[in-house]
N, C-alpha and C. Protein backbone atom coordinates (compact mmCIF):
# COMPACT_ATOMS: atom_id res chain seq x y z
N MET A 1 69.58 74.64 143.25
CA MET A 1 70.40 73.40 143.18
C MET A 1 71.30 73.32 144.33
N ALA A 2 71.37 72.12 145.06
CA ALA A 2 72.16 71.99 146.11
C ALA A 2 73.65 72.07 145.89
N PRO A 3 74.48 72.66 146.79
CA PRO A 3 75.98 72.69 146.61
C PRO A 3 76.51 71.39 146.42
N ALA A 4 77.66 71.25 145.71
CA ALA A 4 78.30 70.02 145.30
C ALA A 4 78.65 69.27 146.62
N GLY A 5 79.03 69.96 147.68
CA GLY A 5 79.34 69.37 148.84
C GLY A 5 78.19 68.59 149.53
N ASP A 6 77.03 69.19 149.44
CA ASP A 6 75.75 68.49 149.97
C ASP A 6 75.45 67.33 149.30
N ALA A 7 75.63 67.34 147.99
CA ALA A 7 75.44 66.18 147.04
C ALA A 7 76.31 64.96 147.43
N VAL A 8 77.48 65.27 147.64
CA VAL A 8 78.51 64.30 148.05
C VAL A 8 78.09 63.66 149.51
N ALA A 9 77.73 64.58 150.40
CA ALA A 9 77.23 64.07 151.78
C ALA A 9 76.11 63.15 151.76
N GLN A 10 75.09 63.50 150.80
CA GLN A 10 73.86 62.76 150.66
C GLN A 10 74.33 61.37 150.08
N MET A 11 75.35 61.21 149.32
CA MET A 11 75.73 60.00 148.71
C MET A 11 76.35 59.02 149.61
N ARG A 12 76.83 59.61 150.95
CA ARG A 12 77.53 58.77 151.84
C ARG A 12 76.53 57.89 152.71
N THR A 13 77.01 56.67 153.01
CA THR A 13 76.12 55.78 153.86
C THR A 13 76.32 56.22 155.26
N SER A 14 75.16 56.31 155.92
CA SER A 14 75.08 56.71 157.36
C SER A 14 75.45 55.54 158.25
N VAL A 15 76.35 55.72 159.21
CA VAL A 15 76.70 54.67 160.09
C VAL A 15 76.67 55.33 161.53
N ALA A 16 76.72 54.51 162.53
CA ALA A 16 76.73 54.93 163.92
C ALA A 16 78.17 55.44 164.31
N LEU A 17 79.13 54.85 163.64
CA LEU A 17 80.63 55.07 163.98
C LEU A 17 81.46 54.96 162.80
N GLU A 18 82.36 55.86 162.57
CA GLU A 18 83.57 55.72 161.62
C GLU A 18 84.76 55.46 162.54
N LEU A 19 85.43 54.52 162.35
CA LEU A 19 86.55 54.07 163.26
C LEU A 19 87.78 53.74 162.46
N VAL A 20 88.91 54.56 162.83
CA VAL A 20 90.20 54.29 162.18
C VAL A 20 91.10 53.57 163.10
N LEU A 21 91.56 52.53 163.00
CA LEU A 21 92.51 51.84 163.78
C LEU A 21 94.06 52.14 163.28
N ALA A 22 94.65 53.02 163.85
CA ALA A 22 96.02 53.53 163.36
C ALA A 22 97.01 52.80 164.06
N LEU A 23 97.84 52.09 163.35
CA LEU A 23 98.88 51.13 164.00
C LEU A 23 100.33 51.67 163.76
N ASP A 24 101.08 51.75 164.77
CA ASP A 24 102.48 52.06 164.65
C ASP A 24 103.31 51.02 163.86
N VAL A 25 103.94 51.34 162.90
CA VAL A 25 104.80 50.38 162.21
C VAL A 25 106.27 50.84 162.03
N SER A 26 106.52 51.80 163.05
CA SER A 26 108.01 52.30 162.95
C SER A 26 108.99 51.27 163.30
N ALA A 27 110.23 51.59 163.17
CA ALA A 27 111.35 50.57 163.43
C ALA A 27 111.44 49.79 164.66
N SER A 28 110.69 50.34 165.74
CA SER A 28 110.64 49.76 167.02
C SER A 28 109.68 48.57 167.08
N VAL A 29 108.91 48.43 166.00
CA VAL A 29 107.76 47.36 165.94
C VAL A 29 108.46 46.39 164.94
N ASP A 30 108.77 45.17 165.56
CA ASP A 30 109.38 44.16 164.68
C ASP A 30 108.23 43.30 164.02
N SER A 31 108.61 42.35 163.29
CA SER A 31 107.60 41.61 162.45
C SER A 31 106.71 40.82 163.40
N ASP A 32 107.31 40.27 164.46
CA ASP A 32 106.34 39.53 165.33
C ASP A 32 105.44 40.44 166.11
N GLU A 33 105.83 41.60 166.38
CA GLU A 33 105.02 42.57 167.07
C GLU A 33 103.83 43.19 166.26
N PHE A 34 104.23 43.28 164.91
CA PHE A 34 103.29 43.74 163.92
C PHE A 34 102.16 42.70 163.90
N ALA A 35 102.67 41.32 163.79
CA ALA A 35 101.59 40.24 163.73
C ALA A 35 100.79 40.17 164.93
N LEU A 36 101.22 40.51 165.99
CA LEU A 36 100.44 40.42 167.22
C LEU A 36 99.37 41.39 167.23
N GLN A 37 99.67 42.60 166.60
CA GLN A 37 98.66 43.69 166.49
C GLN A 37 97.53 43.26 165.52
N ILE A 38 97.99 42.70 164.36
CA ILE A 38 97.02 42.27 163.33
C ILE A 38 96.11 41.16 163.84
N ASN A 39 96.82 40.16 164.46
CA ASN A 39 95.98 39.01 164.81
C ASN A 39 95.10 39.42 166.13
N GLY A 40 95.47 40.30 166.89
CA GLY A 40 94.65 40.82 167.94
C GLY A 40 93.43 41.52 167.43
N ILE A 41 93.54 42.24 166.41
CA ILE A 41 92.48 43.02 165.74
C ILE A 41 91.40 41.87 165.24
N ALA A 42 92.09 40.95 164.50
CA ALA A 42 91.19 39.97 163.85
C ALA A 42 90.47 39.16 164.87
N ALA A 43 91.19 38.83 166.00
CA ALA A 43 90.52 38.08 167.02
C ALA A 43 89.29 38.76 167.66
N ALA A 44 89.54 40.11 167.78
CA ALA A 44 88.36 40.95 168.41
C ALA A 44 87.27 40.95 167.48
N PHE A 45 87.39 41.14 166.24
CA PHE A 45 86.21 41.14 165.33
C PHE A 45 85.48 39.92 165.01
N ARG A 46 86.16 38.72 165.56
CA ARG A 46 85.45 37.42 165.56
C ARG A 46 84.76 37.17 166.87
N HIS A 47 84.97 37.91 167.79
CA HIS A 47 84.54 37.69 169.21
C HIS A 47 83.03 38.01 169.32
N PRO A 48 82.22 37.12 169.97
CA PRO A 48 80.69 37.39 170.14
C PRO A 48 80.52 38.72 170.88
N ASP A 49 81.39 39.24 171.73
CA ASP A 49 81.14 40.43 172.37
C ASP A 49 81.18 41.63 171.36
N ILE A 50 82.08 41.65 170.58
CA ILE A 50 82.23 42.73 169.73
C ILE A 50 81.17 42.73 168.60
N ILE A 51 80.81 41.41 168.10
CA ILE A 51 79.69 41.20 167.26
C ILE A 51 78.30 41.69 167.81
N ALA A 52 78.15 41.50 169.06
CA ALA A 52 76.89 41.92 169.74
C ALA A 52 76.82 43.43 169.78
N ALA A 53 78.12 44.01 170.16
CA ALA A 53 78.10 45.49 170.21
C ALA A 53 77.84 46.15 168.82
N ILE A 54 78.34 45.53 167.77
CA ILE A 54 78.19 46.07 166.47
C ILE A 54 76.82 45.97 166.12
N ARG A 55 76.03 44.98 166.36
CA ARG A 55 74.51 44.77 166.11
C ARG A 55 73.76 45.85 166.98
N GLU A 56 74.31 46.23 167.94
CA GLU A 56 73.46 47.27 168.86
C GLU A 56 74.02 48.71 168.69
N ALA A 57 74.96 48.92 167.77
CA ALA A 57 75.72 50.28 167.69
C ALA A 57 74.81 51.29 167.26
N GLY A 58 73.79 50.97 166.31
CA GLY A 58 72.81 51.97 165.79
C GLY A 58 72.63 51.69 164.39
N PRO A 59 71.85 52.56 163.69
CA PRO A 59 71.47 52.38 162.30
C PRO A 59 72.73 52.44 161.43
N GLY A 60 72.82 51.40 160.59
CA GLY A 60 73.95 51.33 159.59
C GLY A 60 75.25 50.68 160.13
N GLY A 61 75.12 50.29 161.49
CA GLY A 61 76.30 49.58 162.18
C GLY A 61 77.49 50.53 162.18
N ILE A 62 78.70 49.94 161.93
CA ILE A 62 79.84 50.88 162.12
C ILE A 62 80.66 50.51 160.78
N ALA A 63 81.60 51.52 160.53
CA ALA A 63 82.58 51.46 159.41
C ALA A 63 83.91 51.55 159.95
N VAL A 64 84.80 50.64 159.61
CA VAL A 64 86.17 50.47 160.14
C VAL A 64 87.25 50.26 159.15
N ALA A 65 88.26 51.06 159.31
CA ALA A 65 89.48 51.00 158.45
C ALA A 65 90.71 50.83 159.33
N ILE A 66 91.90 50.31 158.71
CA ILE A 66 93.07 50.09 159.32
C ILE A 66 94.15 50.91 158.64
N LEU A 67 94.87 51.72 159.36
CA LEU A 67 96.01 52.59 158.77
C LEU A 67 97.30 52.35 159.47
N GLU A 68 98.37 52.18 158.67
CA GLU A 68 99.72 52.03 159.20
C GLU A 68 100.36 53.29 159.09
N TRP A 69 101.24 53.70 160.21
CA TRP A 69 101.96 54.97 160.10
C TRP A 69 103.21 54.81 160.92
N SER A 70 104.18 55.63 160.49
CA SER A 70 105.48 55.79 161.03
C SER A 70 105.83 57.25 161.06
N GLU A 71 106.10 57.75 159.92
CA GLU A 71 106.33 59.30 159.73
C GLU A 71 105.68 59.69 158.59
N ALA A 72 105.79 61.08 158.26
CA ALA A 72 104.92 61.71 157.17
C ALA A 72 104.95 61.18 155.94
N ASP A 73 106.16 60.57 155.40
CA ASP A 73 106.35 59.98 154.08
C ASP A 73 106.16 58.48 154.21
N SER A 74 105.64 58.01 155.20
CA SER A 74 105.70 56.56 155.51
C SER A 74 104.28 56.15 156.25
N THR A 75 103.22 56.38 155.58
CA THR A 75 101.83 56.12 156.06
C THR A 75 101.24 55.36 154.93
N GLY A 76 100.13 54.50 155.37
CA GLY A 76 99.49 53.74 154.33
C GLY A 76 98.21 53.08 154.72
N VAL A 77 97.22 52.98 153.91
CA VAL A 77 95.97 52.48 154.29
C VAL A 77 96.11 50.95 154.14
N ALA A 78 96.14 50.17 155.19
CA ALA A 78 96.24 48.82 154.95
C ALA A 78 94.86 48.04 154.74
N LEU A 79 93.74 48.62 155.16
CA LEU A 79 92.53 48.05 154.80
C LEU A 79 91.56 49.21 154.83
N SER A 80 90.89 49.53 153.69
CA SER A 80 89.94 50.58 153.55
C SER A 80 88.69 50.36 154.50
N PHE A 81 87.88 51.40 154.50
CA PHE A 81 86.69 51.33 155.23
C PHE A 81 85.69 50.17 154.75
N GLN A 82 85.26 49.27 155.69
CA GLN A 82 84.37 48.29 155.49
C GLN A 82 83.25 48.57 156.55
N GLN A 83 82.01 48.26 155.99
CA GLN A 83 80.75 48.44 156.83
C GLN A 83 80.44 47.16 157.61
N LEU A 84 80.34 47.22 158.91
CA LEU A 84 80.05 46.00 159.72
C LEU A 84 78.78 46.12 160.27
N VAL A 85 77.85 45.21 160.12
CA VAL A 85 76.48 45.27 160.70
C VAL A 85 76.09 43.99 161.50
N ASP A 86 76.87 42.99 161.31
CA ASP A 86 76.43 41.66 161.90
C ASP A 86 77.55 40.69 161.94
N ALA A 87 77.35 39.56 162.37
CA ALA A 87 78.41 38.55 162.52
C ALA A 87 79.11 38.24 161.22
N ARG A 88 78.46 38.08 160.11
CA ARG A 88 79.11 37.85 158.81
C ARG A 88 80.00 38.94 158.36
N SER A 89 79.56 40.15 158.45
CA SER A 89 80.43 41.25 158.07
C SER A 89 81.62 41.52 158.96
N SER A 90 81.44 41.33 160.29
CA SER A 90 82.50 41.44 161.22
C SER A 90 83.54 40.29 161.08
N ARG A 91 83.15 39.14 160.86
CA ARG A 91 84.05 38.06 160.50
C ARG A 91 84.71 38.22 159.17
N ALA A 92 84.12 38.72 158.21
CA ALA A 92 84.65 38.99 156.96
C ALA A 92 85.81 40.09 157.19
N PHE A 93 85.58 41.10 157.97
CA PHE A 93 86.63 42.10 158.29
C PHE A 93 87.78 41.46 158.92
N ALA A 94 87.49 40.53 159.92
CA ALA A 94 88.57 39.87 160.56
C ALA A 94 89.40 39.11 159.60
N PHE A 95 88.84 38.51 158.67
CA PHE A 95 89.58 37.77 157.70
C PHE A 95 90.42 38.63 156.71
N LEU A 96 89.88 39.83 156.40
CA LEU A 96 90.64 40.78 155.56
C LEU A 96 91.82 41.22 156.36
N ALA A 97 91.58 41.52 157.70
CA ALA A 97 92.74 41.96 158.52
C ALA A 97 93.88 40.90 158.60
N THR A 98 93.60 39.69 158.54
CA THR A 98 94.62 38.65 158.67
C THR A 98 95.49 38.61 157.34
N ARG A 99 94.94 39.30 156.30
CA ARG A 99 95.72 39.31 154.93
C ARG A 99 96.45 40.59 154.85
N ILE A 100 96.50 41.42 155.79
CA ILE A 100 97.23 42.74 155.82
C ILE A 100 98.73 42.41 155.74
N ARG A 101 99.44 43.25 154.90
CA ARG A 101 100.88 43.13 154.95
C ARG A 101 101.36 44.60 155.33
N ARG A 102 102.50 44.60 155.73
CA ARG A 102 103.11 45.92 156.29
C ARG A 102 103.41 46.95 155.07
N VAL A 103 102.72 48.00 155.02
CA VAL A 103 102.77 48.97 153.89
C VAL A 103 103.68 50.15 154.25
N ALA A 104 103.92 50.41 155.45
CA ALA A 104 104.84 51.56 155.88
C ALA A 104 105.85 51.05 156.88
N ASP A 105 106.99 51.63 156.69
CA ASP A 105 108.15 51.34 157.62
C ASP A 105 109.15 52.49 157.56
N SER A 106 109.43 52.93 158.90
CA SER A 106 110.51 53.96 158.99
C SER A 106 111.03 53.89 160.33
N SER A 107 112.27 54.51 160.50
CA SER A 107 112.95 54.43 161.80
C SER A 107 112.30 55.50 162.69
N TYR A 108 111.48 56.35 162.17
CA TYR A 108 110.92 57.51 162.98
C TYR A 108 109.49 57.25 163.36
N THR A 109 109.13 57.85 164.57
CA THR A 109 107.83 57.78 165.06
C THR A 109 107.11 59.15 165.11
N SER A 110 106.13 59.35 164.14
CA SER A 110 105.42 60.68 164.12
C SER A 110 103.94 60.33 164.33
N ILE A 111 103.56 60.36 165.53
CA ILE A 111 102.17 60.20 165.83
C ILE A 111 101.38 61.24 165.20
N GLY A 112 101.81 62.49 164.99
CA GLY A 112 101.13 63.48 164.34
C GLY A 112 100.82 63.11 162.85
N ALA A 113 101.85 62.44 162.26
CA ALA A 113 101.61 62.11 160.75
C ALA A 113 100.51 60.98 160.80
N GLY A 114 100.35 60.03 161.72
CA GLY A 114 99.25 59.11 161.73
C GLY A 114 98.08 59.72 161.95
N LEU A 115 97.98 60.71 162.81
CA LEU A 115 96.75 61.45 162.95
C LEU A 115 96.22 62.18 161.76
N LEU A 116 97.13 62.82 161.12
CA LEU A 116 96.79 63.48 159.79
C LEU A 116 96.32 62.53 158.71
N ALA A 117 97.01 61.53 158.60
CA ALA A 117 96.60 60.42 157.72
C ALA A 117 95.16 59.83 157.90
N SER A 118 95.02 59.70 159.33
CA SER A 118 93.70 59.13 159.64
C SER A 118 92.58 59.99 159.51
N LEU A 119 92.85 61.42 159.70
CA LEU A 119 91.85 62.51 159.47
C LEU A 119 91.52 62.41 158.02
N ALA A 120 92.61 62.35 157.17
CA ALA A 120 92.23 62.37 155.65
C ALA A 120 91.50 61.16 155.28
N LEU A 121 91.69 60.00 155.88
CA LEU A 121 90.83 58.96 155.47
C LEU A 121 89.33 59.06 156.02
N LEU A 122 89.18 59.65 157.10
CA LEU A 122 87.80 59.97 157.59
C LEU A 122 87.08 60.90 156.67
N GLN A 123 87.89 61.88 156.11
CA GLN A 123 87.23 62.93 155.34
C GLN A 123 87.01 62.49 153.81
N THR A 124 87.60 61.30 153.40
CA THR A 124 87.50 61.06 151.96
C THR A 124 86.78 59.69 151.71
N ASN A 125 86.14 59.06 152.81
CA ASN A 125 85.42 57.72 152.57
C ASN A 125 84.00 57.99 152.09
N ASN A 126 83.33 56.75 151.88
CA ASN A 126 82.02 56.86 151.55
C ASN A 126 80.98 56.70 152.79
N PHE A 127 81.32 57.04 153.87
CA PHE A 127 80.55 56.86 155.03
C PHE A 127 80.38 58.11 155.79
N ALA A 128 79.20 58.31 156.53
CA ALA A 128 78.96 59.52 157.34
C ALA A 128 78.59 58.95 158.68
N GLY A 129 79.55 59.06 159.59
CA GLY A 129 79.35 58.51 160.97
C GLY A 129 78.81 59.61 161.98
N ALA A 130 77.89 59.05 162.72
CA ALA A 130 77.41 60.01 163.80
C ALA A 130 78.52 60.32 164.80
N ARG A 131 79.52 59.34 164.95
CA ARG A 131 80.77 59.61 165.68
C ARG A 131 81.96 59.25 164.88
N ARG A 132 83.01 59.88 164.96
CA ARG A 132 84.25 59.63 164.21
C ARG A 132 85.40 59.54 165.23
N VAL A 133 86.17 58.31 165.28
CA VAL A 133 86.97 58.02 166.18
C VAL A 133 88.28 57.57 165.63
N ILE A 134 89.42 57.96 166.02
CA ILE A 134 90.67 57.46 165.66
C ILE A 134 91.28 56.80 166.89
N VAL A 135 91.71 55.46 166.87
CA VAL A 135 92.44 54.72 167.85
C VAL A 135 94.00 54.68 167.41
N VAL A 136 94.81 55.35 168.15
CA VAL A 136 96.22 55.35 167.94
C VAL A 136 96.92 54.31 168.78
N SER A 137 97.40 53.29 168.25
CA SER A 137 98.36 52.25 168.98
C SER A 137 99.75 52.49 168.64
N GLY A 138 100.57 52.57 169.71
CA GLY A 138 101.95 52.78 169.54
C GLY A 138 102.71 52.45 170.73
N ASP A 139 104.14 52.21 170.49
CA ASP A 139 105.07 51.94 171.59
C ASP A 139 106.10 52.96 171.86
N GLY A 140 105.90 54.18 171.23
CA GLY A 140 106.94 55.20 171.47
C GLY A 140 106.35 56.62 171.45
N ARG A 141 107.11 57.57 171.80
CA ARG A 141 106.79 58.95 171.71
C ARG A 141 107.17 59.57 170.44
N ASN A 142 106.39 60.62 170.20
CA ASN A 142 106.71 61.30 168.88
C ASN A 142 108.04 61.89 168.86
N ASN A 143 108.78 61.53 167.78
CA ASN A 143 110.08 62.04 167.55
C ASN A 143 110.48 62.61 166.27
N ARG A 144 109.48 62.97 165.67
CA ARG A 144 109.65 63.50 164.23
C ARG A 144 108.38 64.34 163.96
N ALA A 145 108.47 65.64 163.33
CA ALA A 145 107.40 66.36 162.86
C ALA A 145 106.48 65.74 161.85
N PRO A 146 105.26 65.85 161.90
CA PRO A 146 104.44 66.86 162.68
C PRO A 146 104.21 66.15 164.04
N TRP A 147 104.08 67.15 165.06
CA TRP A 147 103.88 66.85 166.34
C TRP A 147 102.32 66.76 166.66
N PRO A 148 101.90 65.92 167.59
CA PRO A 148 100.42 65.84 167.92
C PRO A 148 99.79 67.13 168.27
N ASP A 149 100.51 68.06 168.99
CA ASP A 149 99.80 69.34 169.24
C ASP A 149 99.66 70.26 168.05
N GLN A 150 100.47 70.07 167.03
CA GLN A 150 100.36 70.66 165.85
C GLN A 150 99.07 70.33 165.02
N VAL A 151 98.66 69.12 165.17
CA VAL A 151 97.45 68.58 164.32
C VAL A 151 96.29 68.49 165.23
N ARG A 152 96.29 68.38 166.43
CA ARG A 152 94.93 68.20 167.11
C ARG A 152 94.06 69.25 166.90
N PRO A 153 94.34 70.62 166.82
CA PRO A 153 93.28 71.49 166.46
C PRO A 153 92.54 71.22 165.22
N ARG A 154 93.13 70.69 164.18
CA ARG A 154 92.27 70.33 162.94
C ARG A 154 91.51 69.14 163.31
N LEU A 155 91.89 68.19 164.14
CA LEU A 155 90.99 67.17 164.52
C LEU A 155 89.78 67.60 165.33
N ALA A 156 90.02 68.56 166.18
CA ALA A 156 89.00 69.00 167.06
C ALA A 156 87.90 69.79 166.16
N ALA A 157 88.41 70.59 165.19
CA ALA A 157 87.57 71.32 164.29
C ALA A 157 86.73 70.41 163.45
N ALA A 158 87.18 69.24 163.25
CA ALA A 158 86.42 68.27 162.46
C ALA A 158 85.44 67.34 163.42
N GLY A 159 85.49 67.57 164.59
CA GLY A 159 84.80 66.72 165.50
C GLY A 159 85.11 65.29 165.83
N VAL A 160 86.51 64.97 165.59
CA VAL A 160 87.04 63.80 165.75
C VAL A 160 87.50 63.44 167.16
N THR A 161 87.28 62.37 167.68
CA THR A 161 87.80 61.89 168.97
C THR A 161 89.00 61.03 168.77
N VAL A 162 90.05 61.20 169.55
CA VAL A 162 91.26 60.32 169.46
C VAL A 162 91.56 59.65 170.72
N ASN A 163 91.50 58.29 170.75
CA ASN A 163 91.88 57.57 171.80
C ASN A 163 93.16 56.82 171.66
N GLY A 164 93.74 56.41 172.62
CA GLY A 164 95.11 55.70 172.56
C GLY A 164 95.17 54.42 173.19
N LEU A 165 95.97 53.59 172.69
CA LEU A 165 96.41 52.33 173.17
C LEU A 165 98.01 52.31 173.22
N ALA A 166 98.47 52.63 174.42
CA ALA A 166 99.94 52.79 174.62
C ALA A 166 100.52 51.44 175.01
N ILE A 167 101.52 50.94 174.20
CA ILE A 167 102.16 49.55 174.44
C ILE A 167 103.44 49.90 175.06
N GLU A 168 103.58 49.66 176.41
CA GLU A 168 104.64 50.09 177.30
C GLU A 168 105.80 49.17 177.26
N THR A 169 106.04 48.51 176.16
CA THR A 169 107.23 47.54 176.09
C THR A 169 108.68 48.30 176.59
N ASP A 170 108.82 49.47 176.06
CA ASP A 170 110.13 50.15 176.34
C ASP A 170 110.03 51.46 177.25
N ASP A 171 108.59 51.80 177.56
CA ASP A 171 108.42 53.10 178.28
C ASP A 171 107.14 52.98 179.03
N ASP A 172 107.44 52.80 180.43
CA ASP A 172 106.36 52.55 181.33
C ASP A 172 105.58 53.75 181.71
N LYS A 173 105.93 54.90 181.03
CA LYS A 173 105.05 56.10 181.16
C LYS A 173 104.49 56.60 179.98
N LEU A 174 104.33 55.69 178.96
CA LEU A 174 103.86 56.03 177.59
C LEU A 174 102.33 56.37 177.69
N ALA A 175 101.56 55.66 178.57
CA ALA A 175 100.23 55.82 178.76
C ALA A 175 99.98 57.48 179.21
N GLU A 176 100.87 57.83 180.14
CA GLU A 176 100.69 59.25 180.59
C GLU A 176 101.08 60.19 179.51
N TYR A 177 102.00 59.83 178.63
CA TYR A 177 102.53 60.63 177.42
C TYR A 177 101.21 60.76 176.56
N TYR A 178 100.54 59.74 176.17
CA TYR A 178 99.38 59.70 175.30
C TYR A 178 98.26 60.48 175.89
N ARG A 179 98.06 60.33 177.24
CA ARG A 179 96.97 61.16 177.94
C ARG A 179 97.20 62.53 177.77
N ASP A 180 98.48 63.05 177.84
CA ASP A 180 98.69 64.49 177.95
C ASP A 180 98.90 65.05 176.59
N ASN A 181 99.28 64.20 175.62
CA ASN A 181 99.74 64.81 174.14
C ASN A 181 98.96 64.26 173.01
N VAL A 182 98.29 63.21 173.10
CA VAL A 182 97.71 62.53 171.99
C VAL A 182 96.13 62.56 171.89
N ILE A 183 95.52 62.08 173.08
CA ILE A 183 94.15 61.78 172.95
C ILE A 183 93.36 63.23 173.00
N LEU A 184 92.15 63.13 172.35
CA LEU A 184 91.41 64.31 172.16
C LEU A 184 89.84 64.11 172.32
N GLY A 185 89.19 64.92 172.83
CA GLY A 185 87.72 64.81 172.86
C GLY A 185 87.26 64.62 174.39
N PRO A 186 86.04 64.99 174.64
CA PRO A 186 85.52 64.92 176.01
C PRO A 186 85.40 63.50 176.59
N ASP A 187 85.27 62.45 175.73
CA ASP A 187 85.12 61.11 176.16
C ASP A 187 86.44 60.29 175.84
N ALA A 188 87.52 60.95 175.44
CA ALA A 188 88.66 60.30 175.00
C ALA A 188 89.31 59.53 176.24
N PHE A 189 90.02 58.48 175.91
CA PHE A 189 90.68 57.58 176.92
C PHE A 189 91.88 56.84 176.39
N VAL A 190 92.75 56.33 177.35
CA VAL A 190 93.88 55.70 176.88
C VAL A 190 93.81 54.28 177.63
N GLU A 191 94.11 53.17 176.96
CA GLU A 191 94.36 51.81 177.44
C GLU A 191 95.73 51.58 177.50
N ARG A 192 96.23 50.85 178.56
CA ARG A 192 97.68 50.58 178.64
C ARG A 192 97.99 48.98 178.38
N ALA A 193 98.78 48.78 177.44
CA ALA A 193 99.20 47.31 177.39
C ALA A 193 100.64 47.26 177.80
N HIS A 194 101.01 46.35 178.77
CA HIS A 194 102.38 46.19 179.18
C HIS A 194 103.36 45.95 178.02
N ASP A 195 102.80 45.00 177.16
CA ASP A 195 103.73 44.67 175.97
C ASP A 195 102.81 44.22 174.78
N TYR A 196 103.37 43.82 173.80
CA TYR A 196 102.47 43.37 172.64
C TYR A 196 101.73 42.12 172.93
N LYS A 197 102.08 41.30 173.79
CA LYS A 197 101.37 40.05 174.15
C LYS A 197 100.06 40.55 174.75
N ASP A 198 99.93 41.76 175.34
CA ASP A 198 98.58 42.20 175.99
C ASP A 198 97.80 42.91 174.93
N TYR A 199 98.26 43.10 173.71
CA TYR A 199 97.64 43.95 172.77
C TYR A 199 96.20 43.32 172.54
N ALA A 200 96.03 42.02 172.36
CA ALA A 200 94.69 41.44 171.85
C ALA A 200 93.71 41.69 172.97
N GLU A 201 93.98 41.63 174.23
CA GLU A 201 93.08 41.83 175.37
C GLU A 201 92.68 43.28 175.35
N MET A 202 93.70 44.18 175.16
CA MET A 202 93.45 45.59 175.30
C MET A 202 92.59 46.09 174.10
N ILE A 203 92.94 45.69 172.80
CA ILE A 203 92.11 46.25 171.77
C ILE A 203 90.72 45.66 171.86
N HIS A 204 90.55 44.46 172.34
CA HIS A 204 89.12 44.00 172.57
C HIS A 204 88.35 44.85 173.50
N ARG A 205 88.98 45.20 174.57
CA ARG A 205 88.37 46.04 175.61
C ARG A 205 88.09 47.43 175.15
N LYS A 206 89.03 47.91 174.38
CA LYS A 206 88.90 49.32 173.83
C LYS A 206 87.66 49.32 172.71
N LEU A 207 87.65 48.28 171.92
CA LEU A 207 86.60 48.32 170.88
C LEU A 207 85.28 48.21 171.47
N LEU A 208 85.08 47.52 172.61
CA LEU A 208 83.78 47.39 173.32
C LEU A 208 83.48 48.93 173.67
N ARG A 209 84.29 49.64 174.22
CA ARG A 209 84.05 50.91 174.83
C ARG A 209 83.85 51.89 173.77
N GLU A 210 84.45 51.74 172.60
CA GLU A 210 84.28 52.73 171.49
C GLU A 210 82.99 52.43 170.64
N ILE A 211 82.69 51.18 170.51
CA ILE A 211 81.46 50.83 169.86
C ILE A 211 80.30 51.15 170.57
N LEU A 212 80.26 50.83 171.82
CA LEU A 212 79.07 51.08 172.77
C LEU A 212 79.56 51.78 174.05
N PRO A 213 79.83 53.12 173.92
CA PRO A 213 80.44 53.83 174.91
C PRO A 213 79.73 53.93 176.27
N VAL A 214 78.38 53.79 176.27
CA VAL A 214 77.58 53.95 177.54
C VAL A 214 77.65 52.43 178.01
N VAL A 215 77.33 51.53 177.28
CA VAL A 215 77.12 50.24 177.82
C VAL A 215 78.44 49.59 178.43
N SER A 216 79.64 49.94 177.80
CA SER A 216 80.84 49.33 178.10
C SER A 216 81.42 49.84 179.50
N ASP A 217 80.82 50.92 180.13
CA ASP A 217 81.40 51.15 181.38
C ASP A 217 80.57 50.34 182.44
N LEU A 218 79.55 49.37 182.04
CA LEU A 218 79.01 48.63 183.05
C LEU A 218 79.94 47.46 183.31
N PRO A 219 79.64 46.53 184.39
CA PRO A 219 80.45 45.34 184.56
C PRO A 219 80.31 44.45 183.49
N PRO A 220 81.29 43.54 183.24
CA PRO A 220 81.25 42.77 181.96
C PRO A 220 79.93 41.98 181.67
N ALA A 221 79.44 41.34 182.70
CA ALA A 221 78.16 40.57 182.52
C ALA A 221 77.01 41.40 182.13
N THR A 222 76.94 42.50 182.82
CA THR A 222 75.82 43.48 182.60
C THR A 222 75.93 44.07 181.17
N ALA A 223 77.13 44.52 180.71
CA ALA A 223 77.45 45.00 179.46
C ALA A 223 76.96 44.05 178.36
N LEU A 224 77.31 42.80 178.52
CA LEU A 224 76.95 41.92 177.45
C LEU A 224 75.56 41.74 177.38
N ALA A 225 74.80 41.68 178.48
CA ALA A 225 73.35 41.61 178.43
C ALA A 225 72.78 42.77 177.78
N ALA A 226 73.26 43.95 178.18
CA ALA A 226 72.72 45.16 177.60
C ALA A 226 73.01 45.21 176.11
N ALA A 227 74.04 44.67 175.67
CA ALA A 227 74.44 44.80 174.24
C ALA A 227 73.70 43.65 173.45
N GLY A 228 72.88 42.83 174.14
CA GLY A 228 72.16 41.91 173.38
C GLY A 228 72.79 40.50 173.10
N ASP A 229 73.82 40.22 174.00
CA ASP A 229 74.64 38.99 173.86
C ASP A 229 73.77 37.84 174.32
N THR A 230 73.64 36.83 173.42
CA THR A 230 72.62 35.66 173.65
C THR A 230 73.37 34.33 173.84
N ARG A 231 74.80 34.38 174.25
CA ARG A 231 75.46 33.19 174.35
C ARG A 231 74.88 32.34 175.45
């Protein structure tokens, strides 16, 4: 008889990518800035570029979830994992994203807590991804335990890649901080947004690179052609 863990693994749906979008909702993020994040994500998943990338991602498409974080006692799953394989499912995800409400709120910023909550979400869902990626978006440095360097070994052991989107509204060196302290994995990278108004453009660019990491390093026109865009 197969071990129980093997049986659970066999019940999971195989996808090319499991992706957690982990959003900072600490006190430094006001309601307008929160809305810019959510609307930026929704716009990305409606965009033909992202839809083309999802179609070409691989067997099973991708599974995406949205998590909100601030500190250890204030994290929450805003949108559970959804499987995206085509334009219809991607646009449905975008619609669900627009319905998200703020489920976590704290004056502290614990990126480590967000990473741990994201790891738990990856380990307890119904998908089995060939790649597993967490995208941490935030506008500040860790100021509350757990600290990123305390939790990154657990993420490394699980084979998880951590990428960053540093929103430099109040800290023009935040991207460097993310690069040194947050991201993880041989292909990990950081995108820099100068403020929340840049978020939509940067999350769009990041998603292309995360869904199709090889294609997205090409010039935009070539990348779209390789991804099967037929506009």
